[in-house]
C-alpha atoms as a PDB file:
ATOM      1  CA  MET A   1      70.802 -24.775  49.325  1.00  0.00           C
ATOM      2  CA  SER A   2      68.524 -27.362  47.799  1.00  0.00           C
ATOM      3  CA  GLU A   3      65.815 -26.728  45.227  1.00  0.00           C
ATOM      4  CA  PRO A   4      62.164 -26.911  46.347  1.00  0.00           C
ATOM      5  CA  ARG A   5      60.957 -30.503  46.177  1.00  0.00           C
ATOM      6  CA  THR A   6      58.929 -31.355  43.110  1.00  0.00           C
ATOM      7  CA  ALA A   7      57.121 -34.427  41.873  1.00  0.00           C
ATOM      8  CA  ALA A   8      59.140 -36.859  39.816  1.00  0.00           C
ATOM      9  CA  ARG A   9      56.897 -36.378  36.790  1.00  0.00           C
ATOM     10  CA  THR A  10      55.899 -33.023  35.328  1.00  0.00           C
ATOM     11  CA  PRO A  11      52.114 -32.433  35.294  1.00  0.00           C
ATOM     12  CA  PRO A  12      50.453 -32.480  31.860  1.00  0.00           C
ATOM     13  CA  PRO A  13      50.195 -29.120  30.038  1.00  0.00           C
ATOM     14  CA  VAL A  14      47.437 -26.830  31.271  1.00  0.00           C
ATOM     15  CA  THR A  15      44.983 -25.615  28.662  1.00  0.00           C
ATOM     16  CA  GLY A  16      43.296 -22.255  28.337  1.00  0.00           C
ATOM     17  CA  ARG A  17      40.763 -20.890  25.878  1.00  0.00           C
ATOM     18  CA  GLY A  18      43.504 -20.505  23.257  1.00  0.00           C
ATOM     19  CA  GLY A  19      44.889 -24.009  23.701  1.00  0.00           C
ATOM     20  CA  VAL A  20      47.957 -25.169  25.607  1.00  0.00           C
ATOM     21  CA  VAL A  21      49.427 -22.511  27.875  1.00  0.00           C
ATOM     22  CA  PRO A  22      53.235 -22.575  28.228  1.00  0.00           C
ATOM     23  CA  TYR A  23      54.436 -24.407  31.326  1.00  0.00           C
ATOM     24  CA  VAL A  24      56.529 -21.388  32.356  1.00  0.00           C
ATOM     25  CA  ALA A  25      53.749 -18.789  31.935  1.00  0.00           C
ATOM     26  CA  MET A  26      52.086 -17.232  34.971  1.00  0.00           C
ATOM     27  CA  TRP A  27      48.343 -17.229  35.550  1.00  0.00           C
ATOM     28  CA  SER A  28      46.257 -14.408  36.982  1.00  0.00           C
ATOM     29  CA  GLY A  29      45.364 -16.716  39.883  1.00  0.00           C
ATOM     30  CA  GLU A  30      49.039 -16.887  40.810  1.00  0.00           C
ATOM     31  CA  SER A  31      51.019 -14.080  42.368  1.00  0.00           C
ATOM     32  CA  THR A  32      54.349 -13.205  43.860  1.00  0.00           C
ATOM     33  CA  VAL A  33      54.347 -13.166  47.661  1.00  0.00           C
ATOM     34  CA  ARG A  34      55.053  -9.889  49.432  1.00  0.00           C
ATOM     35  CA  THR A  35      58.161 -10.195  51.567  1.00  0.00           C
ATOM     36  CA  THR A  36      60.345  -7.933  53.679  1.00  0.00           C
ATOM     37  CA  VAL A  37      63.821  -7.680  52.173  1.00  0.00           C
ATOM     38  CA  VAL A  38      66.583  -6.989  54.691  1.00  0.00           C
ATOM     39  CA  GLN A  39      70.307  -6.456  54.519  1.00  0.00           C
ATOM     40  CA  ARG A  40      72.501  -9.378  55.616  1.00  0.00           C
ATOM     41  CA  GLY A  41      75.569  -7.667  57.012  1.00  0.00           C
ATOM     42  CA  ARG A  42      77.749  -6.290  54.223  1.00  0.00           C
ATOM     43  CA  TRP A  43      77.280  -9.303  51.999  1.00  0.00           C
ATOM     44  CA  GLY A  44      73.834  -9.023  50.478  1.00  0.00           C
ATOM     45  CA  ILE A  45      70.108  -9.343  51.079  1.00  0.00           C
ATOM     46  CA  GLY A  46      67.676 -11.854  52.528  1.00  0.00           C
ATOM     47  CA  TYR A  47      64.120 -12.088  53.829  1.00  0.00           C
ATOM     48  CA  ALA A  48      63.177 -11.216  57.384  1.00  0.00           C
ATOM     49  CA  ASP A  49      61.401 -14.600  57.629  1.00  0.00           C
ATOM     50  CA  GLU A  50      63.712 -16.454  55.251  1.00  0.00           C
ATOM     51  CA  LEU A  51      63.157 -20.161  54.564  1.00  0.00           C
ATOM     52  CA  LEU A  52      65.554 -22.756  53.164  1.00  0.00           C
ATOM     53  CA  THR A  53      63.519 -22.868  49.947  1.00  0.00           C
ATOM     54  CA  ASP A  54      63.987 -19.130  49.335  1.00  0.00           C
ATOM     55  CA  ARG A  55      67.486 -19.755  47.950  1.00  0.00           C
ATOM     56  CA  ASP A  56      68.644 -22.048  45.175  1.00  0.00           C
ATOM     57  CA  ARG A  57      71.643 -24.387  45.261  1.00  0.00           C
ATOM     58  CA  ASP A  58      73.897 -21.436  44.368  1.00  0.00           C
ATOM     59  CA  GLY A  59      72.718 -19.420  47.361  1.00  0.00           C
ATOM     60  CA  VAL A  60      70.775 -16.879  45.273  1.00  0.00           C
ATOM     61  CA  LEU A  61      67.662 -15.342  46.840  1.00  0.00           C
ATOM     62  CA  TRP A  62      64.493 -15.939  44.781  1.00  0.00           C
ATOM     63  CA  THR A  63      61.162 -14.163  44.569  1.00  0.00           C
ATOM     64  CA  ARG A  64      58.447 -16.121  46.343  1.00  0.00           C
ATOM     65  CA  ALA A  65      55.471 -17.027  44.182  1.00  0.00           C
ATOM     66  CA  VAL A  66      52.187 -18.862  44.637  1.00  0.00           C
ATOM     67  CA  SER A  67      51.868 -21.839  42.277  1.00  0.00           C
ATOM     68  CA  ARG A  68      48.331 -22.363  40.960  1.00  0.00           C
ATOM     69  CA  PRO A  69      48.664 -23.224  37.240  1.00  0.00           C
ATOM     70  CA  GLY A  70      45.303 -23.189  35.493  1.00  0.00           C
ATOM     71  CA  GLN A  71      43.628 -20.710  37.852  1.00  0.00           C
ATOM     72  CA  GLY A  72      42.462 -17.498  36.225  1.00  0.00           C
ATOM     73  CA  ARG A  73      43.708 -16.440  32.818  1.00  0.00           C
ATOM     74  CA  PRO A  74      47.177 -17.030  31.375  1.00  0.00           C
ATOM     75  CA  LEU A  75      49.634 -14.128  31.510  1.00  0.00           C
ATOM     76  CA  TYR A  76      51.762 -15.068  28.527  1.00  0.00           C
ATOM     77  CA  ALA A  77      54.215 -12.183  28.944  1.00  0.00           C
ATOM     78  CA  LYS A  78      55.117 -13.153  32.523  1.00  0.00           C
ATOM     79  CA  LEU A  79      57.232 -16.127  33.567  1.00  0.00           C
ATOM     80  CA  HIS A  80      56.528 -17.996  36.799  1.00  0.00           C
ATOM     81  CA  PRO A  81      59.833 -17.843  38.751  1.00  0.00           C
ATOM     82  CA  VAL A  82      59.684 -21.404  40.117  1.00  0.00           C
ATOM     83  CA  ARG A  83      58.629 -23.102  36.885  1.00  0.00           C
ATOM     84  CA  GLN A  84      61.021 -21.003  34.785  1.00  0.00           C
ATOM     85  CA  ARG A  85      63.924 -21.885  37.069  1.00  0.00           C
ATOM     86  CA  ARG A  86      63.000 -25.567  37.043  1.00  0.00           C
ATOM     87  CA  ALA A  87      62.768 -25.647  33.245  1.00  0.00           C
ATOM     88  CA  MET A  88      66.087 -23.837  32.790  1.00  0.00           C
ATOM     89  CA  ARG A  89      67.895 -25.934  35.402  1.00  0.00           C
ATOM     90  CA  ARG A  90      66.600 -29.249  34.008  1.00  0.00           C
ATOM     91  CA  LEU A  91      66.399 -28.151  30.351  1.00  0.00           C
ATOM     92  CA  LEU A  92      62.687 -28.830  30.033  1.00  0.00           C
ATOM     93  CA  CYS A  93      60.468 -27.590  27.222  1.00  0.00           C
ATOM     94  CA  GLN A  94      59.061 -24.203  28.183  1.00  0.00           C
ATOM     95  CA  VAL A  95      55.683 -25.126  26.671  1.00  0.00           C
ATOM     96  CA  CYS A  96      54.875 -28.685  27.825  1.00  0.00           C
ATOM     97  CA  GLY A  97      57.337 -29.075  30.708  1.00  0.00           C
ATOM     98  CA  GLN A  98      58.753 -32.341  29.351  1.00  0.00           C
ATOM     99  CA  PRO A  99      62.441 -32.823  28.381  1.00  0.00           C
ATOM    100  CA  ALA A 100      63.382 -30.507  25.513  1.00  0.00           C
ATOM    101  CA  ASP A 101      64.543 -31.868  22.153  1.00  0.00           C
ATOM    102  CA  TYR A 102      68.250 -32.754  22.218  1.00  0.00           C
ATOM    103  CA  THR A 103      70.876 -34.098  19.822  1.00  0.00           C
ATOM    104  CA  GLU A 104      74.669 -34.110  19.960  1.00  0.00           C
ATOM    105  CA  GLN A 105      74.479 -30.560  18.542  1.00  0.00           C
ATOM    106  CA  GLY A 106      72.586 -29.379  21.601  1.00  0.00           C
ATOM    107  CA  HIS A 107      69.083 -28.507  22.722  1.00  0.00           C
ATOM    108  CA  LEU A 108      66.497 -26.815  20.526  1.00  0.00           C
ATOM    109  CA  TRP A 109      65.871 -23.110  21.247  1.00  0.00           C
ATOM    110  CA  LEU A 110      63.578 -20.435  19.822  1.00  0.00           C
ATOM    111  CA  ALA A 111      64.252 -16.708  19.900  1.00  0.00           C
ATOM    112  CA  VAL A 112      62.339 -13.704  18.642  1.00  0.00           C
ATOM    113  CA  GLU A 113      64.096 -12.404  15.550  1.00  0.00           C
ATOM    114  CA  GLN A 114      66.197  -9.334  16.369  1.00  0.00           C
ATOM    115  CA  HIS A 115      67.951  -7.472  13.584  1.00  0.00           C
ATOM    116  CA  ASP A 116      70.043  -5.219  15.842  1.00  0.00           C
ATOM    117  CA  MET A 117      71.999  -8.019  17.519  1.00  0.00           C
ATOM    118  CA  TRP A 118      75.764  -8.381  17.189  1.00  0.00           C
ATOM    119  CA  PRO A 119      77.409 -10.407  14.390  1.00  0.00           C
ATOM    120  CA  GLY A 120      77.264 -14.087  15.203  1.00  0.00           C
ATOM    121  CA  TRP A 121      74.163 -13.784  17.423  1.00  0.00           C
ATOM    122  CA  PRO A 122      72.832 -15.937  19.110  1.00  0.00           C
ATOM    123  CA  GLU A 123      76.360 -17.216  19.899  1.00  0.00           C
ATOM    124  CA  ASP A 124      77.354 -16.185  23.448  1.00  0.00           C
ATOM    125  CA  SER A 125      73.928 -14.648  24.097  1.00  0.00           C
ATOM    126  CA  VAL A 126      72.395 -14.822  27.568  1.00  0.00           C
ATOM    127  CA  ASN A 127      68.962 -16.436  27.386  1.00  0.00           C
ATOM    128  CA  PRO A 128      66.176 -16.475  30.028  1.00  0.00           C
ATOM    129  CA  PHE A 129      63.808 -18.596  27.916  1.00  0.00           C
ATOM    130  CA  PRO A 130      63.990 -22.402  28.304  1.00  0.00           C
ATOM    131  CA  PRO A 131      64.417 -24.690  25.291  1.00  0.00           C
ATOM    132  CA  VAL A 132      61.572 -26.444  23.457  1.00  0.00           C
ATOM    133  CA  CYS A 133      60.649 -29.845  22.086  1.00  0.00           C
ATOM    134  CA  THR A 134      60.029 -30.318  18.354  1.00  0.00           C
ATOM    135  CA  GLY A 135      56.227 -30.454  18.532  1.00  0.00           C
ATOM    136  CA  CYS A 136      55.927 -27.418  20.787  1.00  0.00           C
ATOM    137  CA  ALA A 137      58.352 -25.450  18.598  1.00  0.00           C
ATOM    138  CA  ALA A 138      56.077 -25.917  15.578  1.00  0.00           C
ATOM    139  CA  ARG A 139      52.992 -24.879  17.567  1.00  0.00           C
ATOM    140  CA  SER A 140      54.750 -21.897  19.126  1.00  0.00           C
ATOM    141  CA  VAL A 141      55.789 -20.277  15.843  1.00  0.00           C
ATOM    142  CA  ARG A 142      52.179 -20.593  14.622  1.00  0.00           C
ATOM    143  CA  LEU A 143      50.456 -19.310  17.744  1.00  0.00           C
ATOM    144  CA  CYS A 144      52.847 -16.972  19.587  1.00  0.00           C
ATOM    145  CA  PRO A 145      52.416 -13.387  18.247  1.00  0.00           C
ATOM    146  CA  PRO A 146      56.059 -12.273  18.776  1.00  0.00           C
ATOM    147  CA  LEU A 147      57.381 -15.436  17.084  1.00  0.00           C
ATOM    148  CA  ARG A 148      54.903 -15.083  14.205  1.00  0.00           C
ATOM    149  CA  ARG A 149      56.513 -11.713  13.422  1.00  0.00           C
ATOM    150  CA  GLY A 150      59.897 -13.405  13.032  1.00  0.00           C
ATOM    151  CA  PHE A 151      61.924 -16.030  14.857  1.00  0.00           C
ATOM    152  CA  THR A 152      65.254 -17.823  14.922  1.00  0.00           C
ATOM    153  CA  ALA A 153      65.400 -21.551  15.667  1.00  0.00           C
ATOM    154  CA  PHE A 154      68.757 -22.998  16.646  1.00  0.00           C
ATOM    155  CA  ARG A 155      70.505 -25.790  18.480  1.00  0.00           C
ATOM    156  CA  ALA A 156      73.067 -24.918  21.093  1.00  0.00           C
ATOM    157  CA  GLN A 157      75.001 -26.215  24.021  1.00  0.00           C
ATOM    158  CA  SER A 158      74.461 -24.084  27.101  1.00  0.00           C
ATOM    159  CA  THR A 159      75.864 -23.329  30.519  1.00  0.00           C
ATOM    160  CA  LEU A 160      74.168 -21.727  33.493  1.00  0.00           C
ATOM    161  CA  HIS A 161      75.015 -18.024  33.546  1.00  0.00           C
ATOM    162  CA  GLY A 162      73.195 -16.290  36.390  1.00  0.00           C
ATOM    163  CA  VAL A 163      69.849 -14.629  37.011  1.00  0.00           C
ATOM    164  CA  ILE A 164      67.592 -11.737  36.127  1.00  0.00           C
ATOM    165  CA  GLY A 165      65.959  -9.979  39.059  1.00  0.00           C
ATOM    166  CA  VAL A 166      65.498  -6.817  41.096  1.00  0.00           C
ATOM    167  CA  GLN A 167      68.808  -5.433  42.318  1.00  0.00           C
ATOM    168  CA  PHE A 168      69.226  -3.756  45.704  1.00  0.00           C
ATOM    169  CA  ARG A 169      71.943  -1.668  47.336  1.00  0.00           C
ATOM    170  CA  PRO A 170      72.706  -0.904  51.004  1.00  0.00           C
ATOM    171  CA  GLY A 171      70.301   1.578  52.520  1.00  0.00           C
ATOM    172  CA  PRO A 172      71.273   4.643  54.584  1.00  0.00           C
ATOM    173  CA  ALA A 173      70.313   2.948  57.838  1.00  0.00           C
ATOM    174  CA  TYR A 174      71.310  -0.653  58.524  1.00  0.00           C
ATOM    175  CA  PRO A 175      69.542  -3.066  58.009  1.00  0.00           C
ATOM    176  CA  GLY A 176      67.490  -1.121  55.472  1.00  0.00           C
ATOM    177  CA  VAL A 177      67.906  -1.581  51.753  1.00  0.00           C
ATOM    178  CA  MET A 178      66.993   0.534  48.774  1.00  0.00           C
ATOM    179  CA  LEU A 179      66.139  -0.457  45.247  1.00  0.00           C
ATOM    180  CA  ALA A 180      69.024   0.048  42.877  1.00  0.00           C
ATOM    181  CA  GLU A 181      68.547   2.028  39.683  1.00  0.00           C
ATOM    182  CA  ASP A 182      68.413  -1.231  37.723  1.00  0.00           C
ATOM    183  CA  ASP A 183      64.819  -2.514  37.853  1.00  0.00           C
ATOM    184  CA  GLY A 184      65.755  -6.113  37.187  1.00  0.00           C
ATOM    185  CA  GLY A 185      65.926  -6.349  33.417  1.00  0.00           C
ATOM    186  CA  ARG A 186      69.667  -6.904  33.143  1.00  0.00           C
ATOM    187  CA  PRO A 187      71.214 -10.380  33.569  1.00  0.00           C
ATOM    188  CA  VAL A 188      73.627 -10.788  36.485  1.00  0.00           C
ATOM    189  CA  ALA A 189      76.284 -13.511  36.250  1.00  0.00           C
ATOM    190  CA  PHE A 190      76.956 -15.876  39.153  1.00  0.00           C
ATOM    191  CA  SER A 191      80.512 -14.465  39.190  1.00  0.00           C
ATOM    192  CA  ASN A 192      79.244 -10.898  39.720  1.00  0.00           C
ATOM    193  CA  PRO A 193      79.111  -9.843  43.424  1.00  0.00           C
ATOM    194  CA  VAL A 194      75.915  -7.949  42.614  1.00  0.00           C
ATOM    195  CA  ILE A 195      74.125 -11.294  42.557  1.00  0.00           C
ATOM    196  CA  HIS A 196      74.179 -11.297  46.388  1.00  0.00           C
ATOM    197  CA  TRP A 197      72.074  -8.107  46.228  1.00  0.00           C
ATOM    198  CA  THR A 198      69.643  -9.483  43.648  1.00  0.00           C
ATOM    199  CA  GLN A 199      66.145 -10.879  44.231  1.00  0.00           C
ATOM    200  CA  ALA A 200      65.982 -13.311  41.309  1.00  0.00           C
ATOM    201  CA  THR A 201      62.981 -13.902  39.079  1.00  0.00           C
ATOM    202  CA  GLN A 202      64.563 -15.820  36.159  1.00  0.00           C
ATOM    203  CA  LEU A 203      67.490 -18.201  35.672  1.00  0.00           C
ATOM    204  CA  THR A 204      69.696 -17.570  32.625  1.00  0.00           C
ATOM    205  CA  ARG A 205      71.923 -19.673  30.375  1.00  0.00           C
ATOM    206  CA  THR A 206      74.660 -18.724  27.908  1.00  0.00           C
ATOM    207  CA  MET A 207      74.379 -20.166  24.407  1.00  0.00           C
ATOM    208  CA  HIS A 208      77.425 -21.922  22.847  1.00  0.00           C
ATOM    209  CA  GLN A 209      78.138 -23.616  19.505  1.00  0.00           C
ATOM    210  CA  CYS A 210      74.899 -22.355  17.977  1.00  0.00           C
ATOM    211  CA  ARG A 211      73.624 -23.897  14.738  1.00  0.00           C
ATOM    212  CA  LEU A 212      70.584 -22.537  12.915  1.00  0.00           C
ATOM    213  CA  VAL A 213      67.713 -25.003  12.402  1.00  0.00           C
ATOM    214  CA  ASP A 214      65.009 -25.239   9.733  1.00  0.00           C
ATOM    215  CA  LEU A 215      61.897 -26.180  11.728  1.00  0.00           C
ATOM    216  CA  ASP A 216      60.018 -27.434   8.650  1.00  0.00           C
ATOM    217  CA  ALA A 217      62.854 -29.848   7.806  1.00  0.00           C
ATOM    218  CA  LEU A 218      63.080 -30.888  11.446  1.00  0.00           C
ATOM    219  CA  ALA A 219      59.345 -31.665  11.578  1.00  0.00           C
ATOM    220  CA  GLU A 220      59.561 -33.765   8.425  1.00  0.00           C
ATOM    221  CA  SER A 221      62.463 -35.845   9.782  1.00  0.00           C
ATOM    222  CA  SER A 222      60.892 -36.490  13.184  1.00  0.00           C
END
């Protein structure tokens, strides 16, 4: 299935009282659209009034969402499903929506510092947060509270992995469905049959050939 049509050029960043609001962030004036989820035979879920734009090119069902960037107040902790998917698919900066910084070593990524990750992290990690451009990376580590507490900047090649979303299972009475125990926080790979029972909210990528980056040195050279 095809992606929803979008303009050829990304709109300029939307500003709030605190400055530029990330392109992928939701606003209080936006919302997800209530839909009736139904079982599609034995093979997965769909919407009772399903449209072509409800699925991506991989056939995954996506949460419907109203798009009104700039209306209300920014909800920094929530990602807009359409804009997040677009940024991850096209490798756009999650802050300004323009192409992310790229060299032969890969795109530029930021991650909240996590001390309990496996040796070699972020190599082979599954990431739902789009890459960044150099200017937005510098602003983000100054202004974003989680990143100010500690961050890792790195370049990496990446491949599409799957989605994060709400997982369903067959209900007791066809065509009913029930929510699975997983509330949607765990990534599901495209190769996992569970993806046909998942209502996606975020697109994910796997990180490869990761190289740590010094943002100060990067800013000086750019």
